[in-house]
């Protein structure tokens, strides 16, 4: 029975390509989608959704209609280890 390398197995489960998203500093928009914010924060989109639903996460979502979006300034602050004012 052959076993797969854990790193190879993990790569096959990542739902996006690293090349799909540009560096965060090159983005000129003010808001990010859930998938984009999850990519830059290195968490799953489901984690962001859970934080948003339970209102206990380190970042607050913004809504435009039914779309859940995250402020790029808040994402950058979390990446840098700063507190986000909620």
N, C-alpha and C. Protein backbone atom coordinates (compact mmCIF):
# COMPACT_ATOMS: atom_id res chain seq x y z
N UNK A 1 0.84 -1.17 0.00
CA UNK A 1 0.00 0.00 0.00
C UNK A 1 0.89 1.24 0.00
N UNK A 2 0.68 2.11 -0.96
CA UNK A 2 1.48 3.33 -1.08
C UNK A 2 0.85 4.44 -0.25
N UNK A 3 1.69 5.21 0.39
CA UNK A 3 1.19 6.35 1.16
C UNK A 3 1.59 7.63 0.46
N UNK A 4 0.71 8.61 0.51
CA UNK A 4 1.02 9.90 -0.10
C UNK A 4 1.73 10.79 0.89
N UNK A 5 2.54 11.66 0.36
CA UNK A 5 3.19 12.67 1.17
C UNK A 5 2.13 13.64 1.68
N UNK A 6 2.18 14.02 2.97
CA UNK A 6 1.16 14.90 3.54
C UNK A 6 1.12 16.25 2.84
N UNK A 7 2.28 16.78 2.44
CA UNK A 7 2.33 18.06 1.75
C UNK A 7 1.62 17.97 0.40
N UNK A 8 1.83 16.88 -0.32
CA UNK A 8 1.18 16.68 -1.60
C UNK A 8 -0.32 16.54 -1.42
N UNK A 9 -0.72 15.81 -0.38
CA UNK A 9 -2.13 15.61 -0.11
C UNK A 9 -2.80 16.95 0.23
N UNK A 10 -2.12 17.80 1.01
CA UNK A 10 -2.67 19.10 1.39
C UNK A 10 -2.82 20.00 0.17
N UNK A 11 -1.84 19.99 -0.72
CA UNK A 11 -1.91 20.84 -1.92
C UNK A 11 -3.13 20.50 -2.76
N UNK A 12 -3.48 19.23 -2.82
CA UNK A 12 -4.61 18.83 -3.65
C UNK A 12 -5.94 19.29 -3.04
N UNK A 13 -5.96 19.63 -1.74
CA UNK A 13 -7.20 20.07 -1.10
C UNK A 13 -7.36 21.59 -1.09
N UNK A 14 -6.32 22.34 -1.45
CA UNK A 14 -6.42 23.79 -1.46
C UNK A 14 -7.35 24.19 -2.60
N UNK A 15 -8.44 24.94 -2.30
CA UNK A 15 -9.44 25.23 -3.33
C UNK A 15 -9.08 26.37 -4.27
N UNK A 16 -7.89 26.92 -4.17
CA UNK A 16 -7.53 28.04 -5.02
C UNK A 16 -6.06 27.97 -5.37
N UNK A 17 -5.69 28.71 -6.37
CA UNK A 17 -4.30 28.78 -6.79
C UNK A 17 -3.65 30.00 -6.15
N UNK A 18 -2.41 29.87 -5.75
CA UNK A 18 -1.68 31.00 -5.17
C UNK A 18 -1.58 32.12 -6.19
N UNK A 19 -1.53 31.79 -7.46
CA UNK A 19 -1.43 32.80 -8.52
C UNK A 19 -2.76 33.49 -8.79
N UNK A 20 -3.84 33.00 -8.20
CA UNK A 20 -5.16 33.55 -8.45
C UNK A 20 -5.32 34.93 -7.81
N UNK A 21 -4.65 35.18 -6.70
CA UNK A 21 -4.80 36.44 -5.97
C UNK A 21 -3.52 37.25 -6.05
N UNK A 22 -3.62 38.54 -6.36
CA UNK A 22 -2.42 39.39 -6.43
C UNK A 22 -1.93 39.72 -5.01
N UNK A 23 -0.72 40.25 -4.88
CA UNK A 23 -0.25 40.68 -3.56
C UNK A 23 -1.23 41.71 -2.97
N UNK A 24 -1.45 41.62 -1.69
CA UNK A 24 -2.46 42.47 -1.05
C UNK A 24 -2.14 43.95 -1.19
N UNK A 25 -0.87 44.30 -1.26
CA UNK A 25 -0.50 45.71 -1.39
C UNK A 25 -0.83 46.29 -2.76
N UNK A 26 -1.04 45.44 -3.75
CA UNK A 26 -1.34 45.94 -5.09
C UNK A 26 -2.84 46.11 -5.34
N UNK A 27 -3.67 45.75 -4.37
CA UNK A 27 -5.12 45.87 -4.54
C UNK A 27 -5.55 47.30 -4.24
N UNK A 28 -6.32 47.88 -5.13
CA UNK A 28 -6.76 49.26 -4.95
C UNK A 28 -8.19 49.37 -4.45
N UNK A 29 -8.92 48.27 -4.43
CA UNK A 29 -10.30 48.29 -3.93
C UNK A 29 -10.31 48.41 -2.41
N UNK A 30 -11.41 48.86 -1.84
CA UNK A 30 -11.53 49.01 -0.39
C UNK A 30 -12.05 47.75 0.28
N UNK A 31 -12.74 46.88 -0.48
CA UNK A 31 -13.38 45.71 0.09
C UNK A 31 -12.92 44.43 -0.59
N UNK A 32 -12.87 43.35 0.19
CA UNK A 32 -12.49 42.03 -0.32
C UNK A 32 -13.64 41.06 -0.13
N UNK A 33 -13.74 40.09 -1.02
CA UNK A 33 -14.73 39.04 -0.86
C UNK A 33 -14.29 38.10 0.26
N UNK A 34 -15.18 37.22 0.66
CA UNK A 34 -14.85 36.26 1.71
C UNK A 34 -13.68 35.37 1.29
N UNK A 35 -13.69 34.90 0.05
CA UNK A 35 -12.60 34.04 -0.42
C UNK A 35 -11.26 34.77 -0.45
N UNK A 36 -11.28 36.02 -0.89
CA UNK A 36 -10.04 36.80 -0.92
C UNK A 36 -9.51 37.05 0.49
N UNK A 37 -10.39 37.47 1.39
CA UNK A 37 -9.97 37.74 2.77
C UNK A 37 -9.44 36.46 3.42
N UNK A 38 -10.10 35.34 3.17
CA UNK A 38 -9.65 34.06 3.73
C UNK A 38 -8.26 33.70 3.21
N UNK A 39 -8.02 33.94 1.93
CA UNK A 39 -6.71 33.63 1.36
C UNK A 39 -5.62 34.45 2.04
N UNK A 40 -5.83 35.76 2.17
CA UNK A 40 -4.80 36.62 2.74
C UNK A 40 -4.61 36.39 4.23
N UNK A 41 -5.66 35.96 4.93
CA UNK A 41 -5.55 35.69 6.37
C UNK A 41 -5.14 34.24 6.67
N UNK A 42 -5.00 33.44 5.62
CA UNK A 42 -4.60 32.02 5.76
C UNK A 42 -5.58 31.24 6.62
N UNK A 43 -6.86 31.48 6.41
CA UNK A 43 -7.91 30.70 7.05
C UNK A 43 -8.88 30.26 5.96
N UNK A 44 -9.74 29.33 6.29
CA UNK A 44 -10.74 28.88 5.33
C UNK A 44 -11.90 29.88 5.29
N UNK A 45 -12.57 29.99 4.15
CA UNK A 45 -13.74 30.86 4.09
C UNK A 45 -14.79 30.49 5.14
N UNK A 46 -14.90 29.22 5.44
CA UNK A 46 -15.87 28.78 6.46
C UNK A 46 -15.54 29.37 7.83
N UNK A 47 -14.26 29.56 8.11
CA UNK A 47 -13.85 30.17 9.38
C UNK A 47 -14.33 31.61 9.44
N UNK A 48 -14.14 32.35 8.36
CA UNK A 48 -14.64 33.73 8.32
C UNK A 48 -16.16 33.76 8.47
N UNK A 49 -16.84 32.84 7.82
CA UNK A 49 -18.30 32.78 7.93
C UNK A 49 -18.73 32.48 9.36
N UNK A 50 -18.02 31.58 10.03
CA UNK A 50 -18.34 31.23 11.42
C UNK A 50 -18.11 32.43 12.33
N UNK A 51 -16.97 33.11 12.17
CA UNK A 51 -16.69 34.31 12.97
C UNK A 51 -17.80 35.35 12.76
N UNK A 52 -18.20 35.49 11.51
CA UNK A 52 -19.21 36.48 11.18
C UNK A 52 -20.57 36.10 11.77
N UNK A 53 -20.92 34.84 11.70
CA UNK A 53 -22.21 34.37 12.21
C UNK A 53 -22.28 34.49 13.73
N UNK A 54 -21.21 34.09 14.40
CA UNK A 54 -21.19 34.11 15.87
C UNK A 54 -20.77 35.45 16.45
N UNK A 55 -20.32 36.35 15.58
CA UNK A 55 -19.86 37.69 15.98
C UNK A 55 -18.75 37.64 17.04
N UNK A 56 -17.85 36.66 16.92
CA UNK A 56 -16.77 36.53 17.89
C UNK A 56 -15.39 36.52 17.25
N UNK A 57 -15.30 36.90 16.01
CA UNK A 57 -14.01 36.86 15.33
C UNK A 57 -13.24 38.16 15.46
N UNK A 58 -12.00 38.17 15.00
CA UNK A 58 -11.16 39.35 15.10
C UNK A 58 -11.43 40.39 14.01
N UNK A 59 -12.36 40.10 13.11
CA UNK A 59 -12.64 41.02 12.01
C UNK A 59 -14.14 41.08 11.79
N UNK A 60 -14.62 42.26 11.44
CA UNK A 60 -16.04 42.48 11.23
C UNK A 60 -16.34 42.56 9.74
N UNK A 61 -17.43 41.94 9.34
CA UNK A 61 -17.83 41.95 7.94
C UNK A 61 -18.69 43.17 7.64
N UNK A 62 -18.68 43.55 6.37
CA UNK A 62 -19.52 44.61 5.85
C UNK A 62 -20.45 43.97 4.82
N UNK A 63 -21.65 44.47 4.73
CA UNK A 63 -22.62 43.89 3.80
C UNK A 63 -23.02 44.90 2.74
N UNK A 64 -23.09 44.43 1.51
CA UNK A 64 -23.66 45.19 0.40
C UNK A 64 -24.69 44.26 -0.22
N UNK A 65 -25.95 44.54 0.07
CA UNK A 65 -27.00 43.61 -0.33
C UNK A 65 -26.82 42.31 0.43
N UNK A 66 -26.70 41.22 -0.29
CA UNK A 66 -26.47 39.92 0.35
C UNK A 66 -25.00 39.53 0.35
N UNK A 67 -24.15 40.37 -0.22
CA UNK A 67 -22.72 40.06 -0.29
C UNK A 67 -22.04 40.37 1.04
N UNK A 68 -21.22 39.45 1.50
CA UNK A 68 -20.41 39.66 2.69
C UNK A 68 -19.02 40.06 2.24
N UNK A 69 -18.57 41.22 2.68
CA UNK A 69 -17.28 41.75 2.28
C UNK A 69 -16.48 42.17 3.51
N UNK A 70 -15.16 42.27 3.33
CA UNK A 70 -14.27 42.64 4.42
C UNK A 70 -13.40 43.81 3.99
N UNK A 71 -13.23 44.78 4.88
CA UNK A 71 -12.41 45.95 4.57
C UNK A 71 -10.94 45.54 4.45
N UNK A 72 -10.29 45.98 3.40
CA UNK A 72 -8.90 45.61 3.16
C UNK A 72 -8.00 46.16 4.27
N UNK A 73 -8.35 47.32 4.83
CA UNK A 73 -7.56 47.89 5.92
C UNK A 73 -7.57 46.96 7.13
N UNK A 74 -8.75 46.37 7.43
CA UNK A 74 -8.85 45.45 8.56
C UNK A 74 -8.04 44.18 8.33
N UNK A 75 -8.07 43.67 7.10
CA UNK A 75 -7.30 42.47 6.76
C UNK A 75 -5.80 42.75 6.90
N UNK A 76 -5.36 43.90 6.41
CA UNK A 76 -3.94 44.26 6.53
C UNK A 76 -3.52 44.40 7.99
N UNK A 77 -4.39 44.98 8.83
CA UNK A 77 -4.07 45.12 10.25
C UNK A 77 -3.93 43.75 10.90
N UNK A 78 -4.81 42.82 10.58
CA UNK A 78 -4.71 41.47 11.15
C UNK A 78 -3.42 40.78 10.70
N UNK A 79 -3.06 40.95 9.46
CA UNK A 79 -1.84 40.34 8.94
C UNK A 79 -0.63 40.87 9.69
N UNK A 80 -0.65 42.17 10.01
CA UNK A 80 0.46 42.79 10.72
C UNK A 80 0.39 42.60 12.23
N UNK A 81 -0.64 41.90 12.72
CA UNK A 81 -0.76 41.63 14.13
C UNK A 81 -1.34 42.77 14.95
N UNK A 82 -1.94 43.73 14.28
CA UNK A 82 -2.54 44.86 14.99
C UNK A 82 -4.00 44.53 15.33
N UNK A 83 -4.51 45.21 16.33
CA UNK A 83 -5.92 45.03 16.71
C UNK A 83 -6.81 45.78 15.73
N UNK A 84 -7.94 45.18 15.42
CA UNK A 84 -8.91 45.80 14.51
C UNK A 84 -10.03 46.36 15.36
N UNK A 85 -10.34 47.62 15.17
CA UNK A 85 -11.46 48.21 15.93
C UNK A 85 -12.77 47.75 15.32
N UNK A 86 -13.58 47.14 16.14
CA UNK A 86 -14.84 46.56 15.66
C UNK A 86 -15.98 47.47 15.96
